[in-house]
Amino acid sequence: MEYGSIERDLHVDASPDVVFEVVSRPEHMREWWPDDARFEPAEGAPGELFWRDKATGETKTVAFTVVEVDPPKRFSFRWCHTGAERGGDSLLVTFDLVPTQTGTLVRMTETGFREMGWEIAVLEEQYRDHVSGWDHYIPRLGAYAARLASTR
């Protein structure tokens, strides 16, 4: 296996404007992905994502940096930085939004796994963990965006 990138495509019954809000604003992102998110949707803005372990009550915090904001076409960010704070290598997640006749095609791509400098066992574990995570969260993104669009 190459472990180079993860790609997921999803059709959403919502306009690109609505889907862009869902992937780029913390108040919407926390409805389908992390338990909490804090950032400004502006290029270069730092932020944090938070996941709570329901069993232990512990919270995992992950540094997050907005890379590109091009409404309603693209939103990208870096996360999982290897260095202190936001230095070092990181993974790049990009959401490309393409209008369709009935909504939006969401293309999520996560890259940078091989560049992280992980030993092969860690690389394989992280890659599998992210594949599993996106397989869980991408459908939630679509369902939330469709619900949001239906209320407007």
N, C-alpha and C. Protein backbone atom coordinates (compact mmCIF):
# COMPACT_ATOMS: atom_id res chain seq x y z
N MET A 1 0.85 -1.18 0.00
CA MET A 1 0.00 0.00 0.00
C MET A 1 0.89 1.24 0.00
N GLU A 2 0.43 2.27 -0.65
CA GLU A 2 1.26 3.47 -0.84
C GLU A 2 1.21 4.45 0.33
N TYR A 3 0.09 4.59 1.00
CA TYR A 3 -0.07 5.51 2.13
C TYR A 3 0.18 6.97 1.73
N GLY A 4 -0.11 7.32 0.48
CA GLY A 4 0.15 8.68 0.01
C GLY A 4 -0.97 9.65 0.31
N SER A 5 -2.20 9.24 0.03
CA SER A 5 -3.32 10.15 0.24
C SER A 5 -4.60 9.35 0.47
N ILE A 6 -5.56 10.06 1.03
CA ILE A 6 -6.91 9.51 1.21
C ILE A 6 -7.84 10.44 0.43
N GLU A 7 -8.71 9.86 -0.38
CA GLU A 7 -9.66 10.65 -1.14
C GLU A 7 -11.05 10.09 -0.93
N ARG A 8 -12.00 10.99 -0.74
CA ARG A 8 -13.39 10.60 -0.61
C ARG A 8 -14.24 11.58 -1.41
N ASP A 9 -15.18 11.05 -2.19
CA ASP A 9 -16.14 11.87 -2.93
C ASP A 9 -17.52 11.61 -2.34
N LEU A 10 -18.30 12.66 -2.25
CA LEU A 10 -19.64 12.55 -1.70
C LEU A 10 -20.53 13.57 -2.39
N HIS A 11 -21.69 13.13 -2.83
CA HIS A 11 -22.67 14.08 -3.36
C HIS A 11 -23.58 14.50 -2.21
N VAL A 12 -23.79 15.82 -2.10
CA VAL A 12 -24.61 16.37 -1.03
C VAL A 12 -25.76 17.15 -1.65
N ASP A 13 -26.96 16.94 -1.11
CA ASP A 13 -28.14 17.68 -1.57
C ASP A 13 -28.18 19.04 -0.89
N ALA A 14 -27.20 19.87 -1.22
CA ALA A 14 -27.11 21.23 -0.69
C ALA A 14 -26.24 22.04 -1.64
N SER A 15 -26.45 23.33 -1.67
CA SER A 15 -25.67 24.20 -2.55
C SER A 15 -24.21 24.28 -2.08
N PRO A 16 -23.30 24.63 -2.99
CA PRO A 16 -21.91 24.81 -2.57
C PRO A 16 -21.76 25.84 -1.44
N ASP A 17 -22.60 26.87 -1.42
CA ASP A 17 -22.52 27.87 -0.35
C ASP A 17 -22.79 27.23 1.01
N VAL A 18 -23.80 26.39 1.09
CA VAL A 18 -24.13 25.72 2.36
C VAL A 18 -23.02 24.74 2.73
N VAL A 19 -22.56 23.95 1.78
CA VAL A 19 -21.52 22.97 2.07
C VAL A 19 -20.23 23.67 2.49
N PHE A 20 -19.94 24.79 1.86
CA PHE A 20 -18.73 25.54 2.25
C PHE A 20 -18.81 25.96 3.72
N GLU A 21 -19.96 26.44 4.15
CA GLU A 21 -20.13 26.79 5.57
C GLU A 21 -19.88 25.57 6.46
N VAL A 22 -20.40 24.42 6.05
CA VAL A 22 -20.31 23.20 6.84
C VAL A 22 -18.86 22.75 7.02
N VAL A 23 -18.02 22.92 5.99
CA VAL A 23 -16.62 22.47 6.10
C VAL A 23 -15.68 23.56 6.59
N SER A 24 -16.13 24.82 6.64
CA SER A 24 -15.18 25.90 6.94
C SER A 24 -15.50 26.72 8.19
N ARG A 25 -16.60 26.46 8.83
CA ARG A 25 -16.96 27.25 10.02
C ARG A 25 -17.02 26.32 11.23
N PRO A 26 -16.36 26.71 12.32
CA PRO A 26 -16.29 25.82 13.48
C PRO A 26 -17.65 25.44 14.05
N GLU A 27 -18.62 26.36 14.04
CA GLU A 27 -19.93 26.04 14.60
C GLU A 27 -20.65 24.96 13.80
N HIS A 28 -20.31 24.82 12.51
CA HIS A 28 -20.87 23.75 11.69
C HIS A 28 -20.00 22.50 11.73
N MET A 29 -18.68 22.70 11.69
CA MET A 29 -17.77 21.56 11.69
C MET A 29 -17.99 20.66 12.91
N ARG A 30 -18.24 21.29 14.06
CA ARG A 30 -18.41 20.48 15.28
C ARG A 30 -19.69 19.64 15.25
N GLU A 31 -20.57 19.90 14.31
CA GLU A 31 -21.80 19.12 14.18
C GLU A 31 -21.58 17.79 13.47
N TRP A 32 -20.47 17.66 12.75
CA TRP A 32 -20.24 16.41 12.02
C TRP A 32 -18.86 15.79 12.26
N TRP A 33 -17.90 16.54 12.82
CA TRP A 33 -16.55 15.98 12.94
C TRP A 33 -16.03 16.02 14.37
N PRO A 34 -15.31 17.08 14.79
CA PRO A 34 -14.79 17.05 16.16
C PRO A 34 -15.88 17.40 17.17
N ASP A 35 -15.60 17.13 18.43
CA ASP A 35 -16.54 17.54 19.48
C ASP A 35 -16.57 19.05 19.62
N ASP A 36 -15.45 19.70 19.29
CA ASP A 36 -15.40 21.15 19.31
C ASP A 36 -14.31 21.59 18.34
N ALA A 37 -14.44 22.80 17.84
CA ALA A 37 -13.47 23.38 16.93
C ALA A 37 -13.40 24.88 17.20
N ARG A 38 -12.18 25.39 17.22
CA ARG A 38 -11.99 26.83 17.45
C ARG A 38 -10.99 27.35 16.44
N PHE A 39 -11.47 28.18 15.52
CA PHE A 39 -10.61 28.81 14.52
C PHE A 39 -11.42 29.85 13.77
N GLU A 40 -10.71 30.76 13.14
CA GLU A 40 -11.33 31.72 12.23
C GLU A 40 -11.13 31.17 10.82
N PRO A 41 -12.16 31.19 9.99
CA PRO A 41 -12.00 30.68 8.62
C PRO A 41 -11.29 31.72 7.73
N ALA A 42 -10.03 31.96 8.05
CA ALA A 42 -9.20 32.92 7.30
C ALA A 42 -7.84 32.29 7.06
N GLU A 43 -7.29 32.50 5.87
CA GLU A 43 -6.01 31.90 5.52
C GLU A 43 -4.95 32.24 6.56
N GLY A 44 -4.24 31.22 7.01
CA GLY A 44 -3.18 31.39 7.99
C GLY A 44 -3.64 31.37 9.43
N ALA A 45 -4.94 31.35 9.66
CA ALA A 45 -5.45 31.39 11.03
C ALA A 45 -5.14 30.10 11.77
N PRO A 46 -4.64 30.20 13.01
CA PRO A 46 -4.42 29.01 13.82
C PRO A 46 -5.73 28.61 14.49
N GLY A 47 -5.79 27.39 14.93
CA GLY A 47 -6.96 26.93 15.64
C GLY A 47 -6.70 25.60 16.31
N GLU A 48 -7.74 25.03 16.87
CA GLU A 48 -7.64 23.75 17.53
C GLU A 48 -8.92 22.96 17.30
N LEU A 49 -8.74 21.63 17.24
CA LEU A 49 -9.85 20.69 17.17
C LEU A 49 -9.80 19.86 18.45
N PHE A 50 -10.97 19.48 18.96
CA PHE A 50 -11.05 18.76 20.23
C PHE A 50 -11.94 17.53 20.08
N TRP A 51 -11.44 16.41 20.59
CA TRP A 51 -12.23 15.18 20.66
C TRP A 51 -12.25 14.72 22.10
N ARG A 52 -13.45 14.40 22.61
CA ARG A 52 -13.60 13.90 23.97
C ARG A 52 -13.79 12.38 23.95
N ASP A 53 -13.04 11.71 24.80
CA ASP A 53 -13.22 10.27 24.98
C ASP A 53 -14.39 10.09 25.93
N LYS A 54 -15.49 9.57 25.43
CA LYS A 54 -16.70 9.45 26.25
C LYS A 54 -16.49 8.52 27.44
N ALA A 55 -15.62 7.53 27.31
CA ALA A 55 -15.39 6.58 28.40
C ALA A 55 -14.58 7.19 29.53
N THR A 56 -13.52 7.95 29.18
CA THR A 56 -12.62 8.48 30.21
C THR A 56 -12.89 9.94 30.54
N GLY A 57 -13.56 10.65 29.63
CA GLY A 57 -13.79 12.07 29.82
C GLY A 57 -12.60 12.93 29.41
N GLU A 58 -11.50 12.30 28.98
CA GLU A 58 -10.32 13.04 28.56
C GLU A 58 -10.55 13.67 27.19
N THR A 59 -9.89 14.82 26.97
CA THR A 59 -10.01 15.53 25.71
C THR A 59 -8.67 15.53 25.00
N LYS A 60 -8.70 15.19 23.71
CA LYS A 60 -7.51 15.26 22.86
C LYS A 60 -7.61 16.54 22.05
N THR A 61 -6.55 17.35 22.07
CA THR A 61 -6.51 18.61 21.34
C THR A 61 -5.51 18.49 20.20
N VAL A 62 -5.91 18.90 19.01
CA VAL A 62 -5.06 18.82 17.84
C VAL A 62 -4.93 20.22 17.23
N ALA A 63 -3.68 20.66 17.01
CA ALA A 63 -3.44 21.96 16.38
C ALA A 63 -3.92 21.92 14.93
N PHE A 64 -4.39 23.06 14.47
CA PHE A 64 -5.09 23.18 13.19
C PHE A 64 -4.69 24.53 12.61
N THR A 65 -4.36 24.60 11.33
CA THR A 65 -4.03 25.87 10.68
C THR A 65 -4.77 25.95 9.35
N VAL A 66 -5.53 27.01 9.16
CA VAL A 66 -6.25 27.20 7.90
C VAL A 66 -5.23 27.55 6.81
N VAL A 67 -5.33 26.88 5.66
CA VAL A 67 -4.41 27.10 4.55
C VAL A 67 -5.06 27.93 3.46
N GLU A 68 -6.24 27.51 2.99
CA GLU A 68 -6.88 28.20 1.86
C GLU A 68 -8.37 28.34 2.12
N VAL A 69 -8.89 29.52 1.81
CA VAL A 69 -10.31 29.82 1.94
C VAL A 69 -10.74 30.46 0.63
N ASP A 70 -11.47 29.71 -0.19
CA ASP A 70 -11.93 30.20 -1.50
C ASP A 70 -13.40 29.85 -1.65
N PRO A 71 -14.29 30.65 -1.00
CA PRO A 71 -15.71 30.33 -1.03
C PRO A 71 -16.31 30.48 -2.42
N PRO A 72 -17.25 29.64 -2.79
CA PRO A 72 -17.66 28.39 -2.17
C PRO A 72 -16.99 27.19 -2.83
N LYS A 73 -15.72 27.33 -3.23
CA LYS A 73 -15.06 26.28 -4.00
C LYS A 73 -14.10 25.40 -3.21
N ARG A 74 -13.34 26.00 -2.29
CA ARG A 74 -12.29 25.21 -1.63
C ARG A 74 -12.00 25.73 -0.23
N PHE A 75 -11.79 24.75 0.66
CA PHE A 75 -11.32 25.04 2.02
C PHE A 75 -10.27 24.00 2.35
N SER A 76 -9.11 24.44 2.85
CA SER A 76 -8.08 23.48 3.22
C SER A 76 -7.42 23.90 4.52
N PHE A 77 -6.87 22.89 5.20
CA PHE A 77 -6.19 23.14 6.48
C PHE A 77 -5.10 22.11 6.70
N ARG A 78 -4.19 22.43 7.59
CA ARG A 78 -3.15 21.50 8.02
C ARG A 78 -3.43 21.13 9.47
N TRP A 79 -3.11 19.87 9.79
CA TRP A 79 -3.28 19.40 11.16
C TRP A 79 -2.33 18.25 11.42
N CYS A 80 -2.31 17.74 12.66
CA CYS A 80 -1.42 16.65 13.06
C CYS A 80 0.05 17.04 12.88
N HIS A 81 0.39 18.25 13.25
CA HIS A 81 1.77 18.73 13.12
C HIS A 81 2.72 17.86 13.94
N THR A 82 3.92 17.59 13.39
CA THR A 82 4.89 16.75 14.09
C THR A 82 5.75 17.56 15.06
N GLY A 83 5.92 18.85 14.82
CA GLY A 83 6.78 19.67 15.68
C GLY A 83 5.99 20.34 16.77
N ALA A 84 6.70 21.05 17.61
CA ALA A 84 6.04 21.80 18.68
C ALA A 84 5.11 22.84 18.05
N GLU A 85 3.96 22.98 18.68
CA GLU A 85 2.94 23.91 18.17
C GLU A 85 2.61 23.58 16.72
N ARG A 86 2.90 24.49 15.80
CA ARG A 86 2.54 24.27 14.40
C ARG A 86 3.75 24.17 13.50
N GLY A 87 4.90 23.86 14.07
CA GLY A 87 6.10 23.66 13.26
C GLY A 87 6.16 22.22 12.79
N GLY A 88 7.08 21.92 11.96
CA GLY A 88 7.25 20.54 11.50
C GLY A 88 6.25 20.16 10.43
N ASP A 89 6.33 18.91 10.03
CA ASP A 89 5.45 18.41 8.97
C ASP A 89 4.02 18.28 9.49
N SER A 90 3.08 18.24 8.56
CA SER A 90 1.67 18.11 8.93
C SER A 90 0.92 17.49 7.76
N LEU A 91 -0.30 17.08 8.04
CA LEU A 91 -1.19 16.56 7.01
C LEU A 91 -2.02 17.70 6.44
N LEU A 92 -2.29 17.65 5.15
CA LEU A 92 -3.09 18.67 4.48
C LEU A 92 -4.43 18.05 4.08
N VAL A 93 -5.52 18.68 4.53
CA VAL A 93 -6.87 18.26 4.16
C VAL A 93 -7.47 19.34 3.28
N THR A 94 -8.00 18.94 2.13
CA THR A 94 -8.61 19.87 1.19
C THR A 94 -10.02 19.40 0.87
N PHE A 95 -10.96 20.33 0.96
CA PHE A 95 -12.33 20.09 0.52
C PHE A 95 -12.55 20.91 -0.74
N ASP A 96 -12.70 20.23 -1.88
CA ASP A 96 -13.06 20.89 -3.14
C ASP A 96 -14.54 20.67 -3.35
N LEU A 97 -15.25 21.75 -3.67
CA LEU A 97 -16.71 21.71 -3.83
C LEU A 97 -17.07 22.05 -5.27
N VAL A 98 -17.78 21.14 -5.92
CA VAL A 98 -18.14 21.30 -7.32
C VAL A 98 -19.66 21.29 -7.42
N PRO A 99 -20.25 22.38 -7.95
CA PRO A 99 -21.72 22.38 -8.09
C PRO A 99 -22.19 21.32 -9.08
N THR A 100 -23.33 20.73 -8.76
CA THR A 100 -23.99 19.78 -9.66
C THR A 100 -25.42 20.27 -9.86
N GLN A 101 -26.17 19.59 -10.71
CA GLN A 101 -27.56 19.99 -10.94
C GLN A 101 -28.41 19.85 -9.70
N THR A 102 -28.04 18.93 -8.82
CA THR A 102 -28.88 18.66 -7.65
C THR A 102 -28.19 18.97 -6.32
N GLY A 103 -27.04 19.62 -6.35
CA GLY A 103 -26.36 19.92 -5.10
C GLY A 103 -24.89 20.19 -5.30
N THR A 104 -24.06 19.44 -4.56
CA THR A 104 -22.62 19.68 -4.57
C THR A 104 -21.87 18.36 -4.50
N LEU A 105 -20.84 18.23 -5.32
CA LEU A 105 -19.90 17.12 -5.19
C LEU A 105 -18.80 17.61 -4.25
N VAL A 106 -18.63 16.90 -3.14
CA VAL A 106 -17.57 17.20 -2.17
C VAL A 106 -16.44 16.21 -2.43
N ARG A 107 -15.25 16.74 -2.69
CA ARG A 107 -14.08 15.88 -2.85
C ARG A 107 -13.11 16.24 -1.73
N MET A 108 -12.96 15.31 -0.78
CA MET A 108 -12.03 15.51 0.33
C MET A 108 -10.76 14.74 0.02
N THR A 109 -9.63 15.41 0.19
CA THR A 109 -8.33 14.77 -0.01
C THR A 109 -7.46 15.08 1.20
N GLU A 110 -6.83 14.05 1.75
CA GLU A 110 -5.87 14.24 2.83
C GLU A 110 -4.53 13.68 2.35
N THR A 111 -3.49 14.52 2.39
CA THR A 111 -2.16 14.14 1.90
C THR A 111 -1.09 14.44 2.95
N GLY A 112 0.10 13.90 2.69
CA GLY A 112 1.24 14.20 3.53
C GLY A 112 1.68 13.10 4.46
N PHE A 113 1.07 11.94 4.38
CA PHE A 113 1.38 10.85 5.31
C PHE A 113 2.85 10.43 5.22
N ARG A 114 3.35 10.24 4.01
CA ARG A 114 4.75 9.79 3.85
C ARG A 114 5.73 10.87 4.30
N GLU A 115 5.34 12.13 4.23
CA GLU A 115 6.24 13.23 4.60
C GLU A 115 6.33 13.44 6.11
N MET A 116 5.53 12.76 6.87
CA MET A 116 5.50 12.98 8.32
C MET A 116 6.74 12.45 9.04
N GLY A 117 7.50 11.58 8.40
CA GLY A 117 8.71 11.06 9.03
C GLY A 117 8.45 9.94 10.02
N TRP A 118 7.25 9.37 10.00
CA TRP A 118 6.91 8.29 10.90
C TRP A 118 7.60 7.00 10.48
N GLU A 119 7.91 6.15 11.47
CA GLU A 119 8.36 4.80 11.16
C GLU A 119 7.21 4.09 10.46
N ILE A 120 7.52 3.06 9.68
CA ILE A 120 6.50 2.42 8.84
C ILE A 120 5.31 1.91 9.65
N ALA A 121 5.55 1.35 10.82
CA ALA A 121 4.42 0.84 11.63
C ALA A 121 3.51 1.99 12.06
N VAL A 122 4.08 3.12 12.42
CA VAL A 122 3.28 4.29 12.82
C VAL A 122 2.55 4.85 11.61
N LEU A 123 3.25 4.93 10.48
CA LEU A 123 2.62 5.41 9.25
C LEU A 123 1.41 4.56 8.90
N GLU A 124 1.56 3.24 8.91
CA GLU A 124 0.46 2.35 8.59
C GLU A 124 -0.71 2.52 9.56
N GLU A 125 -0.40 2.62 10.86
CA GLU A 125 -1.45 2.79 11.86
C GLU A 125 -2.17 4.12 11.69
N GLN A 126 -1.43 5.20 11.50
CA GLN A 126 -2.04 6.51 11.32
C GLN A 126 -2.90 6.55 10.06
N TYR A 127 -2.38 6.00 8.97
CA TYR A 127 -3.11 5.99 7.72
C TYR A 127 -4.44 5.23 7.88
N ARG A 128 -4.37 4.03 8.46
CA ARG A 128 -5.59 3.23 8.67
C ARG A 128 -6.58 3.96 9.58
N ASP A 129 -6.06 4.62 10.62
CA ASP A 129 -6.90 5.37 11.54
C ASP A 129 -7.62 6.51 10.81
N HIS A 130 -6.91 7.21 9.94
CA HIS A 130 -7.52 8.32 9.20
C HIS A 130 -8.52 7.81 8.16
N VAL A 131 -8.21 6.70 7.49
CA VAL A 131 -9.15 6.10 6.55
C VAL A 131 -10.45 5.77 7.28
N SER A 132 -10.32 5.11 8.42
CA SER A 132 -11.49 4.74 9.21
C SER A 132 -12.25 5.99 9.67
N GLY A 133 -11.52 6.98 10.10
CA GLY A 133 -12.16 8.22 10.56
C GLY A 133 -12.94 8.90 9.45
N TRP A 134 -12.33 9.08 8.29
CA TRP A 134 -13.04 9.74 7.19
C TRP A 134 -14.22 8.90 6.72
N ASP A 135 -14.08 7.57 6.74
CA ASP A 135 -15.22 6.72 6.36
C ASP A 135 -16.40 6.94 7.31
N HIS A 136 -16.13 7.28 8.54
CA HIS A 136 -17.17 7.57 9.53
C HIS A 136 -17.71 8.99 9.38
N TYR A 137 -16.81 9.97 9.24
CA TYR A 137 -17.22 11.37 9.30
C TYR A 137 -17.74 11.97 7.99
N ILE A 138 -17.24 11.52 6.85
CA ILE A 138 -17.70 12.11 5.58
C ILE A 138 -19.21 11.92 5.38
N PRO A 139 -19.78 10.73 5.63
CA PRO A 139 -21.25 10.62 5.53
C PRO A 139 -21.98 11.56 6.50
N ARG A 140 -21.41 11.77 7.67
CA ARG A 140 -22.02 12.70 8.64
C ARG A 140 -22.01 14.13 8.10
N LEU A 141 -20.93 14.51 7.41
CA LEU A 141 -20.85 15.82 6.76
C LEU A 141 -22.02 15.97 5.79
N GLY A 142 -22.22 14.97 4.94
CA GLY A 142 -23.30 15.02 3.95
C GLY A 142 -24.67 15.12 4.58
N ALA A 143 -24.91 14.33 5.60
CA ALA A 143 -26.21 14.35 6.28
C ALA A 143 -26.46 15.69 6.95
N TYR A 144 -25.45 16.24 7.61
CA TYR A 144 -25.61 17.52 8.28
C TYR A 144 -25.85 18.64 7.26
N ALA A 145 -25.07 18.66 6.17
CA ALA A 145 -25.25 19.69 5.16
C ALA A 145 -26.64 19.64 4.54
N ALA A 146 -27.13 18.44 4.27
CA ALA A 146 -28.47 18.30 3.69
C ALA A 146 -29.54 18.79 4.69
N ARG A 147 -29.38 18.46 5.98
CA ARG A 147 -30.32 18.95 7.00
C ARG A 147 -30.28 20.47 7.07
N LEU A 148 -29.08 21.03 7.06
CA LEU A 148 -28.94 22.49 7.14
C LEU A 148 -29.60 23.15 5.93
N ALA A 149 -29.38 22.59 4.74
CA ALA A 149 -29.96 23.16 3.53
C ALA A 149 -31.49 23.10 3.57
N SER A 150 -32.04 22.06 4.17
CA SER A 150 -33.50 21.91 4.21
C SER A 150 -34.17 22.92 5.15
N THR A 151 -33.40 23.55 6.03
CA THR A 151 -33.96 24.55 6.95
C THR A 151 -33.86 25.96 6.41
N ARG A 152 -33.27 26.11 5.25
CA ARG A 152 -33.08 27.46 4.69
C ARG A 152 -34.06 27.77 3.59
